[in-house]
């Protein structure tokens, strides 16, 4: 039995969609499970069954695949695209002087 993902996020999204708070107790009662069992599934401390995933998907008005973990070997999130490198003036090289841009007197000069 897989650990379901995004369960809490989906419940909160449904809250926004319906314009009122949807409690964990409401969802638990809607799908026929105890609130404590639902809470453990929502927190990821207890696995859920495929049947539970189907019931939750119906309750959350989403696809079952949004609740199931990604298949092995496939990332669960789309890969992050690297940020484009910025082109600009080249970096100045550090010199051995203590203050950049300040001319140091030569040794022996009076």
Foldseek 3Di string as FASTA:
>chain_A
DALWPCLVVLQVVLCVVVVHHDDLCNLCVQLPHHSVVSVCSHVSVDHDDLSVLVSSCVVSVHDSLNTGADDPPDDRDPDDDDDDDDDDDDDDDDDPDPDPPDDDDDPPDD
